[in-house]
Amino acid sequence: MAAADLLRRLGIENPVVQGAMGGGPSTPELAAVVSNSGGMGSLGVAYLSSAQIVETIGRTRALTTRAFNVNLFAGGWQQNVPADTAPMLAVLAEMHQSLGLLPPVVPTIPSDPFPEQLEAVLEARPEVFSFTFGIPERNALARLKARGITILGTATAVEEARLLTEAGVDGIIAQGAEAGAHRGTFAGPFETSMVPTLELVRGIAQTVSLPVMAAGGLMDSRDIRAALEAGACAAVLGTAFLVTPESGAPAAHKRAILEAGKDTTVITRAFSGRPARGLVNDFIELLTGREDVILPYPLQNALTRPMRVAAAQQGIPGYLSLWAGTGVARARALPAAELVRRLVEEI
């Protein structure tokens, strides 16, 4: 499918896509505003139950008649991995005590939620479905296509884009090294896929015939223009929308981004067990040089969740996963509609 055909099919008038930020930031209100502004909003629903996914998509539909994207994690789930949890429990015990929580305990990891979540997506039938961390089975993709759902896969390397193309997706989200939050790498070590966004877009656009959306460190009109010139049909912005009033990110997270005078982001496994980019804070510094005690995803993610929830409630950024891309210092505290308007005008 040609890039223009994809945008026309989805009714995207402006090449601005709001990134799918799981864990709360990408709300129905945010997604709807971006879509209503001529771009495309997104819902990160990987941490929601099937019922919550259907309800969230329904709330978004009540706010917009335009297309929006729904994103899930489609791989990387390790339910039963032998690991010594004692060192991490000892580290977290101090955090729990300072936050007024009971001592940490090892949670039970359920089976991969993706199959049930996918059923909810199929039932709710959003216009667009995207995924990261891997590639769903061919039958799953075929069922999505049978319902007329446009499918976007995340690639952090040209080889991953090839694999996604072979799997039958309709478009590629090229996640460059500058991107905030979790790396979507699935075809090799993440270290080998830390390709700058514009370089990755060029490489994928020259290799596959599918439309490419650029993601990673994009904050303003200059970034969007550069992405389009590199071969992208649209730019995916996450951090830029994370600080909008419509975003569900904790106030401490928004404040940390808006107070960042420079790029202090790093790739860390500290909070979830998966490589992710965020602002350096107390918890990341505490585990620097002690990466051997970090547990695999999703165990580490589940184990740190009580700390992160309490830190958000108490406004303590040191124990929050402050996901952000490298363009963090250029974030603007604007309503989402105003941000889209300015981006389009500046372009």
Protein backbone atom coordinates (compact mmCIF):
# COMPACT_ATOMS: atom_id res chain seq x y z
CA MET A 1 0.00 0.00 0.00
CA ALA A 2 1.33 3.45 -0.92
CA ALA A 3 1.83 6.01 1.82
CA ALA A 4 -0.80 8.37 0.38
CA ASP A 5 -3.30 5.52 0.16
CA LEU A 6 -2.74 4.62 3.82
CA LEU A 7 -3.25 8.18 5.02
CA ARG A 8 -6.32 8.58 2.82
CA ARG A 9 -7.76 5.28 4.03
CA LEU A 10 -7.37 6.38 7.65
CA GLY A 11 -8.52 9.93 7.05
CA ILE A 12 -5.25 11.41 8.32
CA GLU A 13 -5.03 15.00 7.08
CA ASN A 14 -1.94 16.03 9.06
CA PRO A 15 1.17 13.81 9.34
CA VAL A 16 1.05 13.81 13.15
CA VAL A 17 0.47 10.58 15.08
CA GLN A 18 0.27 10.53 18.87
CA GLY A 19 2.36 7.68 20.23
CA ALA A 20 0.64 4.79 22.02
CA MET A 21 1.88 5.21 25.59
CA GLY A 22 0.88 2.26 27.77
CA GLY A 23 0.29 2.43 31.49
CA GLY A 24 -2.08 5.40 31.53
CA PRO A 25 -0.72 8.38 29.53
CA SER A 26 -2.62 7.71 26.28
CA THR A 27 -6.20 8.35 27.38
CA PRO A 28 -9.38 8.30 25.25
CA GLU A 29 -9.50 12.08 25.62
CA LEU A 30 -5.96 12.50 24.24
CA ALA A 31 -6.42 10.06 21.37
CA ALA A 32 -9.73 11.64 20.37
CA VAL A 33 -8.39 15.19 20.39
CA VAL A 34 -5.46 14.28 18.15
CA SER A 35 -7.69 12.41 15.71
CA ASN A 36 -10.23 15.24 15.70
CA SER A 37 -7.36 17.62 14.91
CA GLY A 38 -6.61 15.78 11.68
CA GLY A 39 -3.84 13.57 12.99
CA MET A 40 -4.19 10.10 14.50
CA GLY A 41 -4.53 9.40 18.20
CA SER A 42 -3.44 6.15 19.83
CA LEU A 43 -4.33 4.04 22.85
CA GLY A 44 -1.66 1.98 24.62
CA VAL A 45 -3.76 -0.82 26.15
CA ALA A 46 -1.15 -3.51 26.87
CA TYR A 47 -1.72 -3.28 30.64
CA LEU A 48 -5.52 -3.44 30.44
CA SER A 49 -7.83 -6.41 30.77
CA SER A 50 -10.05 -7.47 27.88
CA ALA A 51 -13.07 -5.75 29.43
CA GLN A 52 -11.08 -2.57 30.01
CA ILE A 53 -9.88 -2.58 26.40
CA VAL A 54 -13.42 -2.78 25.06
CA GLU A 55 -14.55 -0.05 27.47
CA THR A 56 -11.60 2.22 26.60
CA ILE A 57 -12.15 1.88 22.87
CA GLY A 58 -15.85 2.58 23.41
CA ARG A 59 -15.07 5.75 25.37
CA THR A 60 -12.78 6.92 22.59
CA ARG A 61 -15.41 6.21 19.93
CA ALA A 62 -17.84 8.39 21.86
CA LEU A 63 -15.38 11.29 21.49
CA THR A 64 -14.36 10.95 17.83
CA THR A 65 -15.67 9.57 14.56
CA ARG A 66 -12.16 9.52 13.11
CA ALA A 67 -9.65 6.68 13.00
CA PHE A 68 -7.46 5.94 16.01
CA ASN A 69 -4.85 3.31 16.79
CA VAL A 70 -4.89 0.61 19.50
CA ASN A 71 -1.54 -0.87 20.56
CA LEU A 72 -0.60 -4.14 22.30
CA PHE A 73 2.60 -5.96 23.28
CA ALA A 74 2.93 -9.00 21.01
CA GLY A 75 5.92 -10.88 22.37
CA GLY A 76 8.67 -11.03 24.96
CA TRP A 77 6.46 -12.47 27.71
CA GLN A 78 8.32 -14.82 30.09
CA GLN A 79 6.00 -16.42 32.61
CA ASN A 80 8.29 -18.84 34.44
CA VAL A 81 11.95 -17.89 34.34
CA PRO A 82 14.23 -19.24 37.11
CA ALA A 83 15.68 -16.21 38.87
CA ASP A 84 17.08 -15.27 42.25
CA THR A 85 14.65 -12.61 43.44
CA ALA A 86 16.28 -11.99 46.84
CA PRO A 87 18.68 -9.20 45.75
CA MET A 88 15.93 -7.19 44.06
CA LEU A 89 13.57 -7.71 46.98
CA ALA A 90 16.29 -6.31 49.24
CA VAL A 91 16.69 -3.25 47.02
CA LEU A 92 12.94 -2.62 46.86
CA ALA A 93 12.48 -3.09 50.61
CA GLU A 94 14.11 0.29 51.23
CA MET A 95 11.87 2.00 48.67
CA HIS A 96 8.75 0.38 50.12
CA GLN A 97 9.65 1.48 53.62
CA SER A 98 10.22 5.09 52.56
CA LEU A 99 6.88 5.09 50.70
CA GLY A 100 4.95 3.56 53.60
CA LEU A 101 4.33 0.26 51.81
CA LEU A 102 4.44 -3.28 53.14
CA PRO A 103 7.63 -5.24 52.28
CA PRO A 104 7.74 -6.36 48.64
CA VAL A 105 6.73 -9.90 47.72
CA VAL A 106 7.29 -11.87 44.53
CA PRO A 107 4.10 -11.67 42.44
CA THR A 108 2.60 -14.53 40.48
CA ILE A 109 3.05 -13.94 36.77
CA PRO A 110 -0.01 -14.92 34.74
CA SER A 111 0.10 -16.35 31.25
CA ASP A 112 0.64 -14.02 28.30
CA PRO A 113 -2.41 -11.71 28.18
CA PHE A 114 -2.04 -11.00 24.44
CA PRO A 115 -4.41 -13.73 23.12
CA GLU A 116 -7.33 -12.53 25.27
CA GLN A 117 -6.51 -8.87 24.65
CA LEU A 118 -6.51 -9.51 20.91
CA GLU A 119 -10.01 -10.99 21.16
CA ALA A 120 -11.13 -7.73 22.78
CA VAL A 121 -9.56 -5.72 19.96
CA LEU A 122 -11.26 -7.92 17.37
CA GLU A 123 -14.58 -7.41 19.16
CA ALA A 124 -14.19 -3.63 19.43
CA ARG A 125 -12.86 -3.31 15.88
CA PRO A 126 -10.78 -0.12 15.95
CA GLU A 127 -9.66 1.27 12.61
CA VAL A 128 -5.98 0.65 13.37
CA PHE A 129 -4.12 -1.97 15.40
CA SER A 130 -0.40 -1.73 16.12
CA PHE A 131 1.96 -3.95 18.05
CA THR A 132 5.48 -4.10 19.43
CA PHE A 133 7.94 -6.61 21.01
CA GLY A 134 7.36 -9.19 18.26
CA ILE A 135 4.94 -10.34 15.55
CA PRO A 136 1.55 -11.98 16.20
CA GLU A 137 0.80 -15.32 14.54
CA ARG A 138 -0.38 -15.20 10.93
CA ASN A 139 -3.87 -16.34 11.93
CA ALA A 140 -4.17 -13.39 14.29
CA LEU A 141 -3.16 -10.95 11.56
CA ALA A 142 -5.54 -12.61 9.11
CA ARG A 143 -8.45 -12.21 11.56
CA LEU A 144 -7.62 -8.52 12.03
CA LYS A 145 -7.53 -7.98 8.27
CA ALA A 146 -10.82 -9.82 7.83
CA ARG A 147 -12.41 -7.18 10.05
CA GLY A 148 -10.94 -4.37 7.94
CA ILE A 149 -8.46 -3.30 10.61
CA THR A 150 -5.27 -1.61 9.37
CA ILE A 151 -2.17 -3.23 10.92
CA LEU A 152 1.05 -1.43 11.88
CA GLY A 153 4.12 -3.26 13.19
CA THR A 154 7.05 -1.77 15.10
CA ALA A 155 10.59 -2.17 13.74
CA THR A 156 13.85 -1.03 15.31
CA ALA A 157 15.99 -2.38 12.46
CA VAL A 158 15.68 -2.90 8.71
CA GLU A 159 15.63 -6.67 9.19
CA GLU A 160 12.64 -6.37 11.51
CA ALA A 161 10.86 -4.29 8.86
CA ARG A 162 11.49 -7.11 6.36
CA LEU A 163 10.01 -9.67 8.75
CA LEU A 164 6.97 -7.48 9.37
CA THR A 165 6.46 -7.01 5.63
CA GLU A 166 6.60 -10.77 5.09
CA ALA A 167 4.04 -11.21 7.89
CA GLY A 168 1.58 -9.01 5.99
CA VAL A 169 1.32 -5.74 7.94
CA ASP A 170 0.01 -2.61 6.20
CA GLY A 171 2.67 -0.22 7.50
CA ILE A 172 5.82 0.06 9.60
CA ILE A 173 6.47 2.21 12.67
CA ALA A 174 10.22 2.84 12.60
CA GLN A 175 11.30 3.21 16.24
CA GLY A 176 14.64 4.97 16.29
CA ALA A 177 17.22 4.94 19.07
CA GLU A 178 15.98 8.32 20.34
CA ALA A 179 12.51 6.99 21.24
CA GLY A 180 11.27 7.14 24.80
CA ALA A 181 9.91 4.14 26.74
CA HIS A 182 10.37 0.48 25.80
CA ARG A 183 12.46 -0.65 22.86
CA GLY A 184 10.42 -2.77 20.47
CA THR A 185 13.37 -4.89 19.35
CA PHE A 186 12.49 -8.54 18.67
CA ALA A 187 14.96 -9.90 16.09
CA GLY A 188 18.22 -9.52 18.00
CA PRO A 189 19.90 -7.82 20.97
CA PHE A 190 18.60 -4.29 21.48
CA GLU A 191 22.16 -2.95 21.38
CA THR A 192 22.40 -3.85 17.69
CA SER A 193 19.16 -2.02 16.89
CA MET A 194 19.97 1.40 18.34
CA VAL A 195 19.69 3.09 14.95
CA PRO A 196 18.99 6.86 14.78
CA THR A 197 15.42 7.57 13.70
CA LEU A 198 16.10 9.28 10.37
CA GLU A 199 18.70 6.69 9.38
CA LEU A 200 16.27 3.90 10.25
CA VAL A 201 13.46 5.51 8.24
CA ARG A 202 15.70 5.87 5.19
CA GLY A 203 16.89 2.28 5.46
CA ILE A 204 13.39 0.85 5.80
CA ALA A 205 11.91 3.08 3.07
CA GLN A 206 14.63 1.93 0.68
CA THR A 207 14.12 -1.74 1.56
CA VAL A 208 10.38 -2.36 1.77
CA SER A 209 7.46 -0.94 -0.19
CA LEU A 210 5.19 -0.32 2.79
CA PRO A 211 4.42 3.12 4.26
CA VAL A 212 6.74 4.08 7.12
CA MET A 213 5.93 6.20 10.17
CA ALA A 214 8.90 7.70 12.03
CA ALA A 215 9.13 7.49 15.84
CA GLY A 216 11.88 8.59 18.18
CA GLY A 217 12.92 11.97 19.54
CA LEU A 218 10.47 13.88 17.33
CA MET A 219 9.16 17.00 19.09
CA ASP A 220 8.56 19.87 16.68
CA SER A 221 7.96 20.83 13.07
CA ARG A 222 11.65 20.63 12.16
CA ASP A 223 11.70 17.02 13.31
CA ILE A 224 8.54 16.23 11.38
CA ARG A 225 9.87 17.81 8.19
CA ALA A 226 13.12 15.88 8.53
CA ALA A 227 11.19 12.62 9.01
CA LEU A 228 9.04 13.27 5.93
CA GLU A 229 12.12 14.13 3.87
CA ALA A 230 13.74 10.87 5.02
CA GLY A 231 10.83 8.91 3.58
CA ALA A 232 8.23 8.75 6.35
CA CYS A 233 4.56 9.38 5.62
CA ALA A 234 3.91 10.62 9.17
CA ALA A 235 5.70 11.36 12.44
CA VAL A 236 4.87 9.61 15.71
CA LEU A 237 5.26 11.87 18.76
CA GLY A 238 5.08 10.44 22.27
CA THR A 239 6.94 12.67 24.72
CA ALA A 240 5.51 15.82 23.11
CA PHE A 241 1.96 14.65 23.94
CA LEU A 242 2.83 13.15 27.31
CA VAL A 243 2.79 16.58 28.99
CA THR A 244 -0.57 17.70 27.56
CA PRO A 245 -3.52 18.17 29.96
CA GLU A 246 -5.30 15.27 28.22
CA SER A 247 -2.45 12.86 29.00
CA GLY A 248 -2.96 10.52 31.95
CA ALA A 249 0.71 10.62 32.99
CA PRO A 250 1.33 11.35 36.70
CA ALA A 251 1.86 15.02 37.54
CA ALA A 252 5.38 14.23 38.78
CA HIS A 253 6.23 12.69 35.40
CA LYS A 254 4.94 15.71 33.48
CA ARG A 255 6.79 18.07 35.80
CA ALA A 256 10.07 16.18 35.38
CA ILE A 257 9.79 16.44 31.59
CA LEU A 258 8.94 20.14 31.59
CA GLU A 259 11.80 20.88 34.00
CA ALA A 260 14.36 18.97 31.91
CA GLY A 261 16.76 21.60 30.61
CA LYS A 262 18.68 19.06 28.57
CA ASP A 263 18.59 15.43 27.49
CA THR A 264 19.35 13.33 30.55
CA THR A 265 17.68 10.19 29.22
CA VAL A 266 19.28 6.75 29.36
CA ILE A 267 18.36 3.23 28.34
CA THR A 268 17.57 1.21 31.45
CA ARG A 269 16.10 -2.14 32.47
CA ALA A 270 15.62 -0.99 36.06
CA PHE A 271 11.85 -0.58 36.13
CA SER A 272 10.52 -3.32 33.85
CA GLY A 273 13.32 -5.71 32.96
CA ARG A 274 13.14 -4.58 29.31
CA PRO A 275 15.37 -1.86 27.83
CA ALA A 276 13.53 1.46 27.89
CA ARG A 277 14.52 5.12 27.63
CA GLY A 278 13.70 7.53 30.42
CA LEU A 279 15.02 10.41 32.49
CA VAL A 280 17.73 9.47 34.98
CA ASN A 281 16.40 9.38 38.54
CA ASP A 282 17.15 7.89 41.96
CA PHE A 283 16.05 4.33 41.19
CA ILE A 284 18.00 4.15 37.94
CA GLU A 285 21.11 5.50 39.64
CA LEU A 286 20.67 3.04 42.51
CA LEU A 287 20.81 0.09 40.07
CA THR A 288 23.58 1.48 37.87
CA GLY A 289 26.42 -1.03 38.09
CA ARG A 290 24.06 -3.56 39.70
CA GLU A 291 22.21 -4.59 36.56
CA ASP A 292 22.76 -8.26 37.47
CA VAL A 293 20.05 -8.04 40.15
CA ILE A 294 17.42 -6.80 37.68
CA LEU A 295 14.88 -9.53 36.92
CA PRO A 296 13.43 -10.41 33.48
CA TYR A 297 10.30 -8.77 32.05
CA PRO A 298 7.49 -9.01 33.13
CA LEU A 299 8.61 -10.10 36.62
CA GLN A 300 10.65 -6.95 37.23
CA ASN A 301 7.79 -4.83 35.94
CA ALA A 302 5.29 -6.47 38.28
CA LEU A 303 7.67 -6.30 41.24
CA THR A 304 8.31 -2.55 40.85
CA ARG A 305 4.66 -1.66 40.19
CA PRO A 306 3.66 -0.99 43.85
CA MET A 307 6.66 1.34 44.20
CA ARG A 308 5.79 3.19 41.00
CA VAL A 309 2.09 3.53 41.86
CA ALA A 310 2.87 4.88 45.33
CA ALA A 311 5.50 7.25 43.97
CA ALA A 312 2.99 8.63 41.45
CA GLN A 313 0.38 9.12 44.16
CA GLN A 314 2.89 10.84 46.45
CA GLY A 315 4.50 12.93 43.70
CA ILE A 316 7.97 11.40 44.09
CA PRO A 317 9.72 11.30 40.67
CA GLY A 318 12.77 9.43 41.97
CA TYR A 319 10.90 6.13 42.02
CA LEU A 320 8.84 6.63 38.84
CA SER A 321 9.60 5.31 35.37
CA LEU A 322 10.00 8.72 33.75
CA TRP A 323 9.85 7.54 30.14
CA ALA A 324 10.91 10.21 27.66
CA GLY A 325 12.66 10.55 24.31
CA THR A 326 15.88 12.43 23.64
CA GLY A 327 14.01 15.59 22.60
CA VAL A 328 12.62 15.96 26.12
CA ALA A 329 14.02 19.46 26.69
CA ARG A 330 11.82 20.78 23.86
CA ALA A 331 8.51 19.65 25.38
CA ARG A 332 5.78 22.31 25.42
CA ALA A 333 2.97 22.49 27.97
CA LEU A 334 0.10 22.90 25.51
CA PRO A 335 -3.35 21.34 25.12
CA ALA A 336 -3.22 18.53 22.57
CA ALA A 337 -5.33 20.34 19.96
CA GLU A 338 -3.17 23.44 20.24
CA LEU A 339 0.00 21.37 19.94
CA VAL A 340 -1.25 19.73 16.73
CA ARG A 341 -2.34 23.10 15.37
CA ARG A 342 1.05 24.66 16.01
CA LEU A 343 2.92 21.69 14.59
CA VAL A 344 0.89 21.85 11.38
CA GLU A 345 1.25 25.63 11.08
CA GLU A 346 5.01 25.42 11.68
CA ILE A 347 5.39 22.70 9.06
